[in-house]
Amino acid sequence: MRTITNIYKKLAVGGLLAGLTLAPVMMAPAAHAESKCAGVETAVLSCSDDKGGESTVMWLLKVALMILTWGAGILAAIGLMVGGIMWTTAGDNANQVARARQIILNVVVGLLLYIFLFAITNFLIPGGIFS
Protein backbone atom coordinates (compact mmCIF):
# COMPACT_ATOMS: atom_id res chain seq x y z
CA MET A 1 0.00 0.00 0.00
CA ARG A 2 2.90 2.31 0.78
CA THR A 3 4.38 1.94 -2.71
CA ILE A 4 1.04 2.86 -4.31
CA THR A 5 0.94 6.03 -2.21
CA ASN A 6 4.48 6.88 -3.32
CA ILE A 7 3.52 6.32 -6.94
CA TYR A 8 0.52 8.64 -6.58
CA LYS A 9 2.73 11.28 -4.97
CA LYS A 10 5.26 11.03 -7.80
CA LEU A 11 2.50 11.24 -10.42
CA ALA A 12 1.01 14.28 -8.69
CA VAL A 13 4.36 16.06 -8.55
CA GLY A 14 5.11 15.13 -12.16
CA GLY A 15 1.71 16.37 -13.30
CA LEU A 16 2.17 19.62 -11.42
CA LEU A 17 5.62 20.16 -12.93
CA ALA A 18 4.34 19.33 -16.42
CA GLY A 19 1.42 21.71 -15.98
CA LEU A 20 3.66 24.51 -14.76
CA THR A 21 6.12 23.88 -17.57
CA LEU A 22 3.55 23.73 -20.35
CA ALA A 23 1.27 26.52 -19.09
CA PRO A 24 3.27 29.31 -20.77
CA VAL A 25 3.36 27.33 -24.00
CA MET A 26 -0.38 26.82 -23.98
CA MET A 27 -1.03 30.47 -23.15
CA ALA A 28 1.37 31.89 -25.76
CA PRO A 29 -1.06 31.66 -28.72
CA ALA A 30 -3.68 33.59 -26.73
CA ALA A 31 -2.17 36.73 -28.23
CA HIS A 32 -3.84 35.69 -31.50
CA ALA A 33 -7.31 35.72 -29.95
CA GLU A 34 -10.30 36.22 -32.19
CA SER A 35 -8.60 35.24 -35.44
CA LYS A 36 -10.02 33.23 -38.30
CA CYS A 37 -8.66 29.97 -39.59
CA ALA A 38 -10.34 28.57 -42.73
CA GLY A 39 -13.33 30.80 -42.09
CA VAL A 40 -13.81 29.59 -38.51
CA GLU A 41 -13.22 31.94 -35.59
CA THR A 42 -10.66 30.55 -33.16
CA ALA A 43 -9.50 31.88 -29.82
CA VAL A 44 -6.34 29.78 -29.51
CA LEU A 45 -4.90 28.86 -32.91
CA SER A 46 -4.35 31.12 -35.89
CA CYS A 47 -3.46 30.36 -39.48
CA SER A 48 -1.41 33.49 -40.06
CA ASP A 49 2.24 33.43 -41.10
CA ASP A 50 3.54 35.39 -38.11
CA LYS A 51 5.96 32.61 -37.04
CA GLY A 52 8.21 32.48 -40.07
CA GLY A 53 5.86 30.53 -42.33
CA GLU A 54 4.99 27.64 -40.01
CA SER A 55 1.59 26.85 -38.58
CA THR A 56 0.71 27.44 -34.96
CA VAL A 57 0.40 23.72 -34.30
CA MET A 58 3.94 23.07 -35.56
CA TRP A 59 5.21 26.02 -33.55
CA LEU A 60 3.55 24.64 -30.39
CA LEU A 61 4.99 21.20 -31.09
CA LYS A 62 8.50 22.62 -31.52
CA VAL A 63 8.26 24.64 -28.31
CA ALA A 64 6.88 21.67 -26.35
CA LEU A 65 9.63 19.37 -27.64
CA MET A 66 12.33 21.91 -26.82
CA ILE A 67 10.99 22.28 -23.26
CA LEU A 68 10.78 18.50 -22.87
CA THR A 69 14.31 18.08 -24.24
CA TRP A 70 15.74 20.63 -21.81
CA GLY A 71 13.77 19.08 -18.95
CA ALA A 72 14.90 15.55 -19.80
CA GLY A 73 18.51 16.68 -20.02
CA ILE A 74 18.42 18.54 -16.72
CA LEU A 75 16.67 15.69 -14.91
CA ALA A 76 19.08 13.15 -16.38
CA ALA A 77 22.07 15.18 -15.24
CA ILE A 78 20.61 15.49 -11.74
CA GLY A 79 19.82 11.76 -11.66
CA LEU A 80 23.33 10.82 -12.74
CA MET A 81 24.84 13.13 -10.13
CA VAL A 82 22.64 11.70 -7.37
CA GLY A 83 23.44 8.13 -8.41
CA GLY A 84 27.15 8.89 -8.65
CA ILE A 85 27.25 10.59 -5.26
CA MET A 86 25.31 7.71 -3.69
CA TRP A 87 27.72 5.19 -5.21
CA THR A 88 30.78 7.18 -4.17
CA THR A 89 29.64 7.60 -0.57
CA ALA A 90 28.32 4.04 -0.21
CA GLY A 91 31.54 2.56 1.13
CA ASP A 92 30.82 -1.06 2.10
CA ASN A 93 27.03 -0.64 2.10
CA ALA A 94 25.86 -3.05 -0.61
CA ASN A 95 22.24 -1.82 -0.43
CA GLN A 96 23.27 1.75 -1.20
CA VAL A 97 25.48 0.62 -4.09
CA ALA A 98 22.59 -1.40 -5.54
CA ARG A 99 20.24 1.56 -5.16
CA ALA A 100 22.77 3.91 -6.84
CA ARG A 101 23.23 1.46 -9.74
CA GLN A 102 19.45 1.24 -10.12
CA ILE A 103 19.15 5.04 -10.24
CA ILE A 104 21.86 5.30 -12.90
CA LEU A 105 20.27 2.48 -14.92
CA ASN A 106 16.86 4.18 -14.72
CA VAL A 107 18.35 7.47 -15.93
CA VAL A 108 20.04 5.79 -18.89
CA VAL A 109 16.87 3.88 -19.83
CA GLY A 110 14.83 7.09 -19.52
CA LEU A 111 17.23 8.97 -21.78
CA LEU A 112 17.16 6.19 -24.37
CA LEU A 113 13.36 6.16 -24.32
CA TYR A 114 13.28 9.93 -24.78
CA ILE A 115 15.73 9.73 -27.69
CA PHE A 116 13.53 7.10 -29.37
CA LEU A 117 10.41 9.23 -28.71
CA PHE A 118 12.11 12.23 -30.27
CA ALA A 119 13.27 10.20 -33.29
CA ILE A 120 9.84 8.65 -33.84
CA THR A 121 8.13 12.04 -33.56
CA ASN A 122 10.60 13.53 -36.02
CA PHE A 123 10.01 10.59 -38.39
CA LEU A 124 6.20 10.74 -38.25
CA ILE A 125 5.91 14.44 -39.08
CA PRO A 126 6.47 15.07 -42.79
CA GLY A 127 9.75 16.90 -43.33
CA GLY A 128 10.74 16.48 -39.70
CA ILE A 129 10.20 18.87 -36.84
CA PHE A 130 13.52 20.69 -36.90
CA SER A 131 14.19 20.86 -40.62
C-alpha atoms as a PDB file:
ATOM      1  CA  MET A   1       0.000   0.000   0.000  1.00  0.00           C
ATOM      2  CA  ARG A   2       2.899   2.312   0.777  1.00  0.00           C
ATOM      3  CA  THR A   3       4.378   1.942  -2.710  1.00  0.00           C
ATOM      4  CA  ILE A   4       1.041   2.858  -4.311  1.00  0.00           C
ATOM      5  CA  THR A   5       0.938   6.028  -2.208  1.00  0.00           C
ATOM      6  CA  ASN A   6       4.481   6.877  -3.318  1.00  0.00           C
ATOM      7  CA  ILE A   7       3.521   6.322  -6.940  1.00  0.00           C
ATOM      8  CA  TYR A   8       0.523   8.642  -6.576  1.00  0.00           C
ATOM      9  CA  LYS A   9       2.726  11.281  -4.974  1.00  0.00           C
ATOM     10  CA  LYS A  10       5.261  11.032  -7.798  1.00  0.00           C
ATOM     11  CA  LEU A  11       2.498  11.238 -10.419  1.00  0.00           C
ATOM     12  CA  ALA A  12       1.008  14.283  -8.693  1.00  0.00           C
ATOM     13  CA  VAL A  13       4.364  16.064  -8.548  1.00  0.00           C
ATOM     14  CA  GLY A  14       5.113  15.126 -12.164  1.00  0.00           C
ATOM     15  CA  GLY A  15       1.708  16.369 -13.302  1.00  0.00           C
ATOM     16  CA  LEU A  16       2.174  19.615 -11.417  1.00  0.00           C
ATOM     17  CA  LEU A  17       5.622  20.157 -12.932  1.00  0.00           C
ATOM     18  CA  ALA A  18       4.340  19.330 -16.416  1.00  0.00           C
ATOM     19  CA  GLY A  19       1.424  21.715 -15.976  1.00  0.00           C
ATOM     20  CA  LEU A  20       3.663  24.514 -14.762  1.00  0.00           C
ATOM     21  CA  THR A  21       6.125  23.883 -17.573  1.00  0.00           C
ATOM     22  CA  LEU A  22       3.552  23.730 -20.353  1.00  0.00           C
ATOM     23  CA  ALA A  23       1.265  26.520 -19.090  1.00  0.00           C
ATOM     24  CA  PRO A  24       3.273  29.312 -20.766  1.00  0.00           C
ATOM     25  CA  VAL A  25       3.361  27.329 -24.001  1.00  0.00           C
ATOM     26  CA  MET A  26      -0.381  26.823 -23.982  1.00  0.00           C
ATOM     27  CA  MET A  27      -1.025  30.474 -23.146  1.00  0.00           C
ATOM     28  CA  ALA A  28       1.373  31.887 -25.762  1.00  0.00           C
ATOM     29  CA  PRO A  29      -1.056  31.655 -28.715  1.00  0.00           C
ATOM     30  CA  ALA A  30      -3.679  33.588 -26.726  1.00  0.00           C
ATOM     31  CA  ALA A  31      -2.166  36.732 -28.225  1.00  0.00           C
ATOM     32  CA  HIS A  32      -3.839  35.690 -31.502  1.00  0.00           C
ATOM     33  CA  ALA A  33      -7.307  35.723 -29.947  1.00  0.00           C
ATOM     34  CA  GLU A  34     -10.295  36.217 -32.193  1.00  0.00           C
ATOM     35  CA  SER A  35      -8.598  35.237 -35.435  1.00  0.00           C
ATOM     36  CA  LYS A  36     -10.017  33.233 -38.305  1.00  0.00           C
ATOM     37  CA  CYS A  37      -8.661  29.971 -39.586  1.00  0.00           C
ATOM     38  CA  ALA A  38     -10.341  28.573 -42.733  1.00  0.00           C
ATOM     39  CA  GLY A  39     -13.331  30.804 -42.095  1.00  0.00           C
ATOM     40  CA  VAL A  40     -13.814  29.593 -38.512  1.00  0.00           C
ATOM     41  CA  GLU A  41     -13.222  31.942 -35.586  1.00  0.00           C
ATOM     42  CA  THR A  42     -10.663  30.554 -33.161  1.00  0.00           C
ATOM     43  CA  ALA A  43      -9.496  31.877 -29.819  1.00  0.00           C
ATOM     44  CA  VAL A  44      -6.341  29.776 -29.514  1.00  0.00           C
ATOM     45  CA  LEU A  45      -4.899  28.855 -32.913  1.00  0.00           C
ATOM     46  CA  SER A  46      -4.348  31.116 -35.892  1.00  0.00           C
ATOM     47  CA  CYS A  47      -3.457  30.355 -39.483  1.00  0.00           C
ATOM     48  CA  SER A  48      -1.410  33.485 -40.059  1.00  0.00           C
ATOM     49  CA  ASP A  49       2.238  33.426 -41.099  1.00  0.00           C
ATOM     50  CA  ASP A  50       3.540  35.385 -38.113  1.00  0.00           C
ATOM     51  CA  LYS A  51       5.960  32.611 -37.041  1.00  0.00           C
ATOM     52  CA  GLY A  52       8.210  32.482 -40.070  1.00  0.00           C
ATOM     53  CA  GLY A  53       5.856  30.531 -42.332  1.00  0.00           C
ATOM     54  CA  GLU A  54       4.988  27.635 -40.009  1.00  0.00           C
ATOM     55  CA  SER A  55       1.585  26.851 -38.575  1.00  0.00           C
ATOM     56  CA  THR A  56       0.706  27.444 -34.956  1.00  0.00           C
ATOM     57  CA  VAL A  57       0.399  23.720 -34.297  1.00  0.00           C
ATOM     58  CA  MET A  58       3.943  23.067 -35.564  1.00  0.00           C
ATOM     59  CA  TRP A  59       5.208  26.023 -33.550  1.00  0.00           C
ATOM     60  CA  LEU A  60       3.552  24.635 -30.393  1.00  0.00           C
ATOM     61  CA  LEU A  61       4.995  21.198 -31.093  1.00  0.00           C
ATOM     62  CA  LYS A  62       8.501  22.621 -31.518  1.00  0.00           C
ATOM     63  CA  VAL A  63       8.263  24.640 -28.310  1.00  0.00           C
ATOM     64  CA  ALA A  64       6.880  21.674 -26.352  1.00  0.00           C
ATOM     65  CA  LEU A  65       9.633  19.366 -27.644  1.00  0.00           C
ATOM     66  CA  MET A  66      12.328  21.913 -26.822  1.00  0.00           C
ATOM     67  CA  ILE A  67      10.988  22.278 -23.264  1.00  0.00           C
ATOM     68  CA  LEU A  68      10.784  18.498 -22.868  1.00  0.00           C
ATOM     69  CA  THR A  69      14.308  18.084 -24.239  1.00  0.00           C
ATOM     70  CA  TRP A  70      15.735  20.629 -21.810  1.00  0.00           C
ATOM     71  CA  GLY A  71      13.774  19.075 -18.951  1.00  0.00           C
ATOM     72  CA  ALA A  72      14.904  15.552 -19.800  1.00  0.00           C
ATOM     73  CA  GLY A  73      18.513  16.682 -20.017  1.00  0.00           C
ATOM     74  CA  ILE A  74      18.417  18.543 -16.717  1.00  0.00           C
ATOM     75  CA  LEU A  75      16.665  15.692 -14.906  1.00  0.00           C
ATOM     76  CA  ALA A  76      19.083  13.149 -16.382  1.00  0.00           C
ATOM     77  CA  ALA A  77      22.073  15.185 -15.236  1.00  0.00           C
ATOM     78  CA  ILE A  78      20.611  15.491 -11.741  1.00  0.00           C
ATOM     79  CA  GLY A  79      19.823  11.763 -11.655  1.00  0.00           C
ATOM     80  CA  LEU A  80      23.325  10.823 -12.739  1.00  0.00           C
ATOM     81  CA  MET A  81      24.836  13.133 -10.131  1.00  0.00           C
ATOM     82  CA  VAL A  82      22.645  11.700  -7.369  1.00  0.00           C
ATOM     83  CA  GLY A  83      23.440   8.133  -8.408  1.00  0.00           C
ATOM     84  CA  GLY A  84      27.148   8.890  -8.647  1.00  0.00           C
ATOM     85  CA  ILE A  85      27.254  10.590  -5.256  1.00  0.00           C
ATOM     86  CA  MET A  86      25.312   7.710  -3.686  1.00  0.00           C
ATOM     87  CA  TRP A  87      27.717   5.188  -5.210  1.00  0.00           C
ATOM     88  CA  THR A  88      30.783   7.180  -4.175  1.00  0.00           C
ATOM     89  CA  THR A  89      29.636   7.599  -0.573  1.00  0.00           C
ATOM     90  CA  ALA A  90      28.325   4.040  -0.207  1.00  0.00           C
ATOM     91  CA  GLY A  91      31.541   2.557   1.133  1.00  0.00           C
ATOM     92  CA  ASP A  92      30.820  -1.056   2.103  1.00  0.00           C
ATOM     93  CA  ASN A  93      27.032  -0.642   2.096  1.00  0.00           C
ATOM     94  CA  ALA A  94      25.857  -3.054  -0.613  1.00  0.00           C
ATOM     95  CA  ASN A  95      22.239  -1.820  -0.431  1.00  0.00           C
ATOM     96  CA  GLN A  96      23.273   1.747  -1.199  1.00  0.00           C
ATOM     97  CA  VAL A  97      25.478   0.620  -4.091  1.00  0.00           C
ATOM     98  CA  ALA A  98      22.592  -1.404  -5.537  1.00  0.00           C
ATOM     99  CA  ARG A  99      20.242   1.560  -5.161  1.00  0.00           C
ATOM    100  CA  ALA A 100      22.766   3.907  -6.844  1.00  0.00           C
ATOM    101  CA  ARG A 101      23.232   1.463  -9.737  1.00  0.00           C
ATOM    102  CA  GLN A 102      19.448   1.235 -10.124  1.00  0.00           C
ATOM    103  CA  ILE A 103      19.149   5.042 -10.236  1.00  0.00           C
ATOM    104  CA  ILE A 104      21.856   5.297 -12.900  1.00  0.00           C
ATOM    105  CA  LEU A 105      20.267   2.483 -14.916  1.00  0.00           C
ATOM    106  CA  ASN A 106      16.856   4.178 -14.718  1.00  0.00           C
ATOM    107  CA  VAL A 107      18.345   7.470 -15.933  1.00  0.00           C
ATOM    108  CA  VAL A 108      20.040   5.787 -18.892  1.00  0.00           C
ATOM    109  CA  VAL A 109      16.866   3.885 -19.825  1.00  0.00           C
ATOM    110  CA  GLY A 110      14.829   7.086 -19.520  1.00  0.00           C
ATOM    111  CA  LEU A 111      17.229   8.967 -21.784  1.00  0.00           C
ATOM    112  CA  LEU A 112      17.160   6.186 -24.367  1.00  0.00           C
ATOM    113  CA  LEU A 113      13.358   6.159 -24.320  1.00  0.00           C
ATOM    114  CA  TYR A 114      13.282   9.931 -24.783  1.00  0.00           C
ATOM    115  CA  ILE A 115      15.732   9.734 -27.687  1.00  0.00           C
ATOM    116  CA  PHE A 116      13.525   7.103 -29.369  1.00  0.00           C
ATOM    117  CA  LEU A 117      10.412   9.226 -28.707  1.00  0.00           C
ATOM    118  CA  PHE A 118      12.115  12.226 -30.271  1.00  0.00           C
ATOM    119  CA  ALA A 119      13.273  10.201 -33.292  1.00  0.00           C
ATOM    120  CA  ILE A 120       9.837   8.652 -33.840  1.00  0.00           C
ATOM    121  CA  THR A 121       8.133  12.045 -33.556  1.00  0.00           C
ATOM    122  CA  ASN A 122      10.599  13.530 -36.017  1.00  0.00           C
ATOM    123  CA  PHE A 123      10.009  10.590 -38.387  1.00  0.00           C
ATOM    124  CA  LEU A 124       6.198  10.744 -38.254  1.00  0.00           C
ATOM    125  CA  ILE A 125       5.908  14.437 -39.077  1.00  0.00           C
ATOM    126  CA  PRO A 126       6.469  15.073 -42.794  1.00  0.00           C
ATOM    127  CA  GLY A 127       9.749  16.895 -43.327  1.00  0.00           C
ATOM    128  CA  GLY A 128      10.740  16.482 -39.697  1.00  0.00           C
ATOM    129  CA  ILE A 129      10.202  18.868 -36.836  1.00  0.00           C
ATOM    130  CA  PHE A 130      13.524  20.687 -36.901  1.00  0.00           C
ATOM    131  CA  SER A 131      14.188  20.862 -40.617  1.00  0.00           C
END
